[in-house]
Amino acid sequence: ILAAGRPVLHIGDPGGEIGSMVSRHDCGLAVSVADEPAAARYIEGLCMDVKKRKRQGRNARRLFEQRFDKPHALALWTDLLIGDNSVIS
């Protein structure tokens, strides 16, 4: 979802790692499993608010590029496998 540059709807713990990241980077919404009304309102809101949809999509792509693109992922794996902390910037 992040790589595609689309807003994220995370259904899980809003205070967990993913939910917090979604909120912190303004790239979507995190709702608890039992909060179907909030999820529906968010989707309906995105349909009506083009600016918000585009902003959150841009933020999602930016987050992907900063944290999850291939060079970053490879650096994390290198650090994990060989313990070279200098690899991660």
N, C-alpha and C. Protein backbone atom coordinates (compact mmCIF):
# COMPACT_ATOMS: atom_id res chain seq x y z
N ILE A 1 0.84 -1.19 0.00
CA ILE A 1 0.00 0.00 0.00
C ILE A 1 0.88 1.25 0.00
N LEU A 2 1.88 1.27 0.88
CA LEU A 2 2.77 2.44 0.94
C LEU A 2 3.47 2.65 -0.39
N ALA A 3 4.02 1.58 -0.96
CA ALA A 3 4.77 1.69 -2.20
C ALA A 3 3.88 2.18 -3.35
N ALA A 4 2.60 1.82 -3.31
CA ALA A 4 1.67 2.25 -4.34
C ALA A 4 1.24 3.71 -4.18
N GLY A 5 1.60 4.31 -3.05
CA GLY A 5 1.24 5.70 -2.82
C GLY A 5 -0.24 5.89 -2.58
N ARG A 6 -0.82 4.97 -1.82
CA ARG A 6 -2.24 5.04 -1.50
C ARG A 6 -2.44 5.17 0.00
N PRO A 7 -3.50 5.83 0.43
CA PRO A 7 -3.78 5.91 1.86
C PRO A 7 -3.97 4.51 2.47
N VAL A 8 -3.56 4.38 3.70
CA VAL A 8 -3.59 3.10 4.42
C VAL A 8 -4.79 3.06 5.35
N LEU A 9 -5.50 1.94 5.36
CA LEU A 9 -6.50 1.67 6.39
C LEU A 9 -5.98 0.46 7.15
N HIS A 10 -5.42 0.72 8.32
CA HIS A 10 -4.88 -0.36 9.15
C HIS A 10 -5.95 -0.79 10.14
N ILE A 11 -6.34 -2.05 10.07
CA ILE A 11 -7.32 -2.59 11.01
C ILE A 11 -6.55 -3.46 11.99
N GLY A 12 -6.39 -2.94 13.17
CA GLY A 12 -5.60 -3.59 14.21
C GLY A 12 -5.47 -2.63 15.37
N ASP A 13 -4.42 -2.77 16.12
CA ASP A 13 -4.20 -1.92 17.29
C ASP A 13 -3.75 -0.53 16.86
N PRO A 14 -4.59 0.49 17.04
CA PRO A 14 -4.18 1.85 16.66
C PRO A 14 -2.95 2.35 17.42
N GLY A 15 -2.72 1.81 18.62
CA GLY A 15 -1.57 2.22 19.41
C GLY A 15 -0.35 1.35 19.21
N GLY A 16 -0.47 0.33 18.36
CA GLY A 16 0.65 -0.56 18.08
C GLY A 16 1.64 0.08 17.12
N GLU A 17 2.64 -0.68 16.75
CA GLU A 17 3.70 -0.14 15.89
C GLU A 17 3.17 0.35 14.55
N ILE A 18 2.37 -0.46 13.87
CA ILE A 18 1.86 -0.05 12.56
C ILE A 18 0.86 1.09 12.70
N GLY A 19 -0.07 0.96 13.63
CA GLY A 19 -1.06 2.02 13.83
C GLY A 19 -0.42 3.35 14.17
N SER A 20 0.57 3.32 15.03
CA SER A 20 1.28 4.56 15.40
C SER A 20 2.01 5.15 14.21
N MET A 21 2.61 4.31 13.39
CA MET A 21 3.34 4.80 12.22
C MET A 21 2.38 5.45 11.23
N VAL A 22 1.24 4.82 11.01
CA VAL A 22 0.24 5.38 10.10
C VAL A 22 -0.21 6.76 10.59
N SER A 23 -0.48 6.88 11.86
CA SER A 23 -0.90 8.16 12.42
C SER A 23 0.21 9.20 12.38
N ARG A 24 1.39 8.81 12.81
CA ARG A 24 2.53 9.73 12.90
C ARG A 24 2.89 10.32 11.54
N HIS A 25 2.75 9.53 10.49
CA HIS A 25 3.15 9.97 9.15
C HIS A 25 1.97 10.46 8.31
N ASP A 26 0.80 10.53 8.92
CA ASP A 26 -0.41 11.01 8.23
C ASP A 26 -0.56 10.36 6.86
N CYS A 27 -0.52 9.03 6.87
CA CYS A 27 -0.67 8.32 5.60
C CYS A 27 -1.90 7.42 5.59
N GLY A 28 -2.81 7.63 6.54
CA GLY A 28 -4.02 6.83 6.58
C GLY A 28 -4.65 6.87 7.95
N LEU A 29 -5.36 5.78 8.27
CA LEU A 29 -6.04 5.69 9.55
C LEU A 29 -5.86 4.29 10.12
N ALA A 30 -5.70 4.22 11.42
CA ALA A 30 -5.65 2.94 12.12
C ALA A 30 -6.90 2.84 12.99
N VAL A 31 -7.64 1.75 12.83
CA VAL A 31 -8.84 1.52 13.63
C VAL A 31 -8.77 0.14 14.25
N SER A 32 -9.42 0.00 15.39
CA SER A 32 -9.44 -1.31 16.03
C SER A 32 -10.34 -2.26 15.24
N VAL A 33 -10.16 -3.54 15.47
CA VAL A 33 -10.90 -4.57 14.74
C VAL A 33 -12.40 -4.38 14.90
N ALA A 34 -12.85 -3.95 16.05
CA ALA A 34 -14.28 -3.84 16.33
C ALA A 34 -14.89 -2.52 15.87
N ASP A 35 -14.11 -1.66 15.24
CA ASP A 35 -14.62 -0.33 14.89
C ASP A 35 -14.92 -0.20 13.40
N GLU A 36 -15.85 -1.03 12.94
CA GLU A 36 -16.25 -0.98 11.53
C GLU A 36 -16.80 0.38 11.12
N PRO A 37 -17.59 1.05 12.00
CA PRO A 37 -18.10 2.37 11.60
C PRO A 37 -17.00 3.38 11.27
N ALA A 38 -15.92 3.37 12.06
CA ALA A 38 -14.81 4.31 11.80
C ALA A 38 -14.14 3.99 10.47
N ALA A 39 -13.97 2.71 10.17
CA ALA A 39 -13.36 2.32 8.91
C ALA A 39 -14.24 2.77 7.74
N ALA A 40 -15.54 2.56 7.86
CA ALA A 40 -16.47 2.96 6.79
C ALA A 40 -16.46 4.48 6.60
N ARG A 41 -16.46 5.23 7.71
CA ARG A 41 -16.42 6.70 7.61
C ARG A 41 -15.14 7.16 6.93
N TYR A 42 -14.03 6.52 7.25
CA TYR A 42 -12.75 6.90 6.65
C TYR A 42 -12.79 6.67 5.14
N ILE A 43 -13.27 5.52 4.72
CA ILE A 43 -13.34 5.22 3.28
C ILE A 43 -14.26 6.20 2.57
N GLU A 44 -15.42 6.44 3.15
CA GLU A 44 -16.35 7.41 2.56
C GLU A 44 -15.73 8.80 2.50
N GLY A 45 -15.02 9.16 3.55
CA GLY A 45 -14.36 10.47 3.59
C GLY A 45 -13.31 10.61 2.50
N LEU A 46 -12.55 9.56 2.26
CA LEU A 46 -11.54 9.61 1.21
C LEU A 46 -12.17 9.76 -0.17
N CYS A 47 -13.33 9.15 -0.35
CA CYS A 47 -14.03 9.28 -1.62
C CYS A 47 -14.43 10.72 -1.88
N MET A 48 -14.73 11.45 -0.83
CA MET A 48 -15.22 12.82 -0.96
C MET A 48 -14.10 13.87 -0.91
N ASP A 49 -12.96 13.53 -0.37
CA ASP A 49 -11.90 14.51 -0.12
C ASP A 49 -10.65 14.16 -0.93
N VAL A 50 -10.61 14.67 -2.15
CA VAL A 50 -9.50 14.36 -3.07
C VAL A 50 -8.17 14.86 -2.51
N LYS A 51 -8.16 16.05 -1.91
CA LYS A 51 -6.91 16.60 -1.38
C LYS A 51 -6.34 15.71 -0.27
N LYS A 52 -7.19 15.27 0.63
CA LYS A 52 -6.73 14.40 1.71
C LYS A 52 -6.22 13.08 1.14
N ARG A 53 -6.96 12.53 0.20
CA ARG A 53 -6.56 11.25 -0.41
C ARG A 53 -5.19 11.38 -1.07
N LYS A 54 -4.97 12.45 -1.80
CA LYS A 54 -3.68 12.64 -2.47
C LYS A 54 -2.57 12.91 -1.47
N ARG A 55 -2.85 13.73 -0.44
CA ARG A 55 -1.84 14.03 0.59
C ARG A 55 -1.42 12.77 1.32
N GLN A 56 -2.39 11.98 1.76
CA GLN A 56 -2.05 10.75 2.47
C GLN A 56 -1.34 9.76 1.56
N GLY A 57 -1.71 9.73 0.29
CA GLY A 57 -1.01 8.87 -0.66
C GLY A 57 0.45 9.28 -0.84
N ARG A 58 0.68 10.59 -0.96
CA ARG A 58 2.06 11.09 -1.06
C ARG A 58 2.85 10.77 0.20
N ASN A 59 2.21 10.96 1.35
CA ASN A 59 2.87 10.65 2.62
C ASN A 59 3.20 9.16 2.73
N ALA A 60 2.29 8.32 2.24
CA ALA A 60 2.53 6.87 2.26
C ALA A 60 3.75 6.52 1.41
N ARG A 61 3.82 7.07 0.21
CA ARG A 61 4.96 6.78 -0.67
C ARG A 61 6.25 7.29 -0.04
N ARG A 62 6.21 8.48 0.54
CA ARG A 62 7.40 9.05 1.19
C ARG A 62 7.88 8.14 2.33
N LEU A 63 6.94 7.66 3.12
CA LEU A 63 7.30 6.75 4.22
C LEU A 63 7.94 5.48 3.67
N PHE A 64 7.37 4.94 2.61
CA PHE A 64 7.96 3.75 1.99
C PHE A 64 9.41 4.01 1.57
N GLU A 65 9.62 5.12 0.89
CA GLU A 65 10.96 5.44 0.40
C GLU A 65 11.95 5.67 1.53
N GLN A 66 11.48 6.24 2.63
CA GLN A 66 12.36 6.54 3.76
C GLN A 66 12.67 5.31 4.61
N ARG A 67 11.72 4.38 4.71
CA ARG A 67 11.88 3.29 5.66
C ARG A 67 11.87 1.88 5.08
N PHE A 68 11.29 1.70 3.90
CA PHE A 68 11.05 0.33 3.45
C PHE A 68 11.50 0.02 2.04
N ASP A 69 12.19 0.93 1.37
CA ASP A 69 12.62 0.61 0.02
C ASP A 69 13.75 -0.42 0.05
N LYS A 70 14.13 -0.91 -1.10
CA LYS A 70 15.09 -2.01 -1.19
C LYS A 70 16.44 -1.68 -0.53
N PRO A 71 17.07 -0.53 -0.80
CA PRO A 71 18.36 -0.26 -0.15
C PRO A 71 18.25 -0.26 1.39
N HIS A 72 17.19 0.31 1.90
CA HIS A 72 17.03 0.34 3.36
C HIS A 72 16.82 -1.08 3.90
N ALA A 73 15.97 -1.84 3.23
CA ALA A 73 15.71 -3.22 3.68
C ALA A 73 16.99 -4.05 3.63
N LEU A 74 17.78 -3.90 2.59
CA LEU A 74 19.04 -4.64 2.50
C LEU A 74 20.01 -4.24 3.60
N ALA A 75 20.05 -2.95 3.92
CA ALA A 75 20.92 -2.49 5.00
C ALA A 75 20.50 -3.11 6.33
N LEU A 76 19.19 -3.17 6.57
CA LEU A 76 18.70 -3.78 7.81
C LEU A 76 19.05 -5.26 7.87
N TRP A 77 18.89 -5.97 6.76
CA TRP A 77 19.24 -7.39 6.73
C TRP A 77 20.74 -7.59 6.92
N THR A 78 21.54 -6.74 6.31
CA THR A 78 23.00 -6.83 6.47
C THR A 78 23.37 -6.64 7.92
N ASP A 79 22.77 -5.65 8.55
CA ASP A 79 23.04 -5.40 9.97
C ASP A 79 22.63 -6.61 10.81
N LEU A 80 21.49 -7.17 10.51
CA LEU A 80 21.00 -8.32 11.27
C LEU A 80 21.92 -9.54 11.09
N LEU A 81 22.36 -9.78 9.86
CA LEU A 81 23.14 -10.98 9.57
C LEU A 81 24.60 -10.88 9.98
N ILE A 82 25.20 -9.69 9.79
CA ILE A 82 26.62 -9.60 10.09
C ILE A 82 26.94 -8.62 11.22
N GLY A 83 25.91 -7.91 11.68
CA GLY A 83 26.11 -7.01 12.82
C GLY A 83 26.91 -5.78 12.51
N ASP A 84 26.89 -5.31 11.28
CA ASP A 84 27.65 -4.11 10.90
C ASP A 84 26.74 -2.91 11.04
N ASN A 85 26.73 -2.28 12.20
CA ASN A 85 25.86 -1.16 12.46
C ASN A 85 26.16 0.06 11.59
N SER A 86 27.32 0.11 10.99
CA SER A 86 27.66 1.27 10.16
C SER A 86 26.90 1.26 8.85
N VAL A 87 26.25 0.15 8.51
CA VAL A 87 25.52 0.04 7.25
C VAL A 87 24.27 0.91 7.26
N ILE A 88 23.63 1.02 8.42
CA ILE A 88 22.38 1.77 8.51
C ILE A 88 22.69 3.23 8.81
N SER A 89 22.14 4.10 7.97
CA SER A 89 22.37 5.52 8.17
C SER A 89 21.25 6.15 8.94
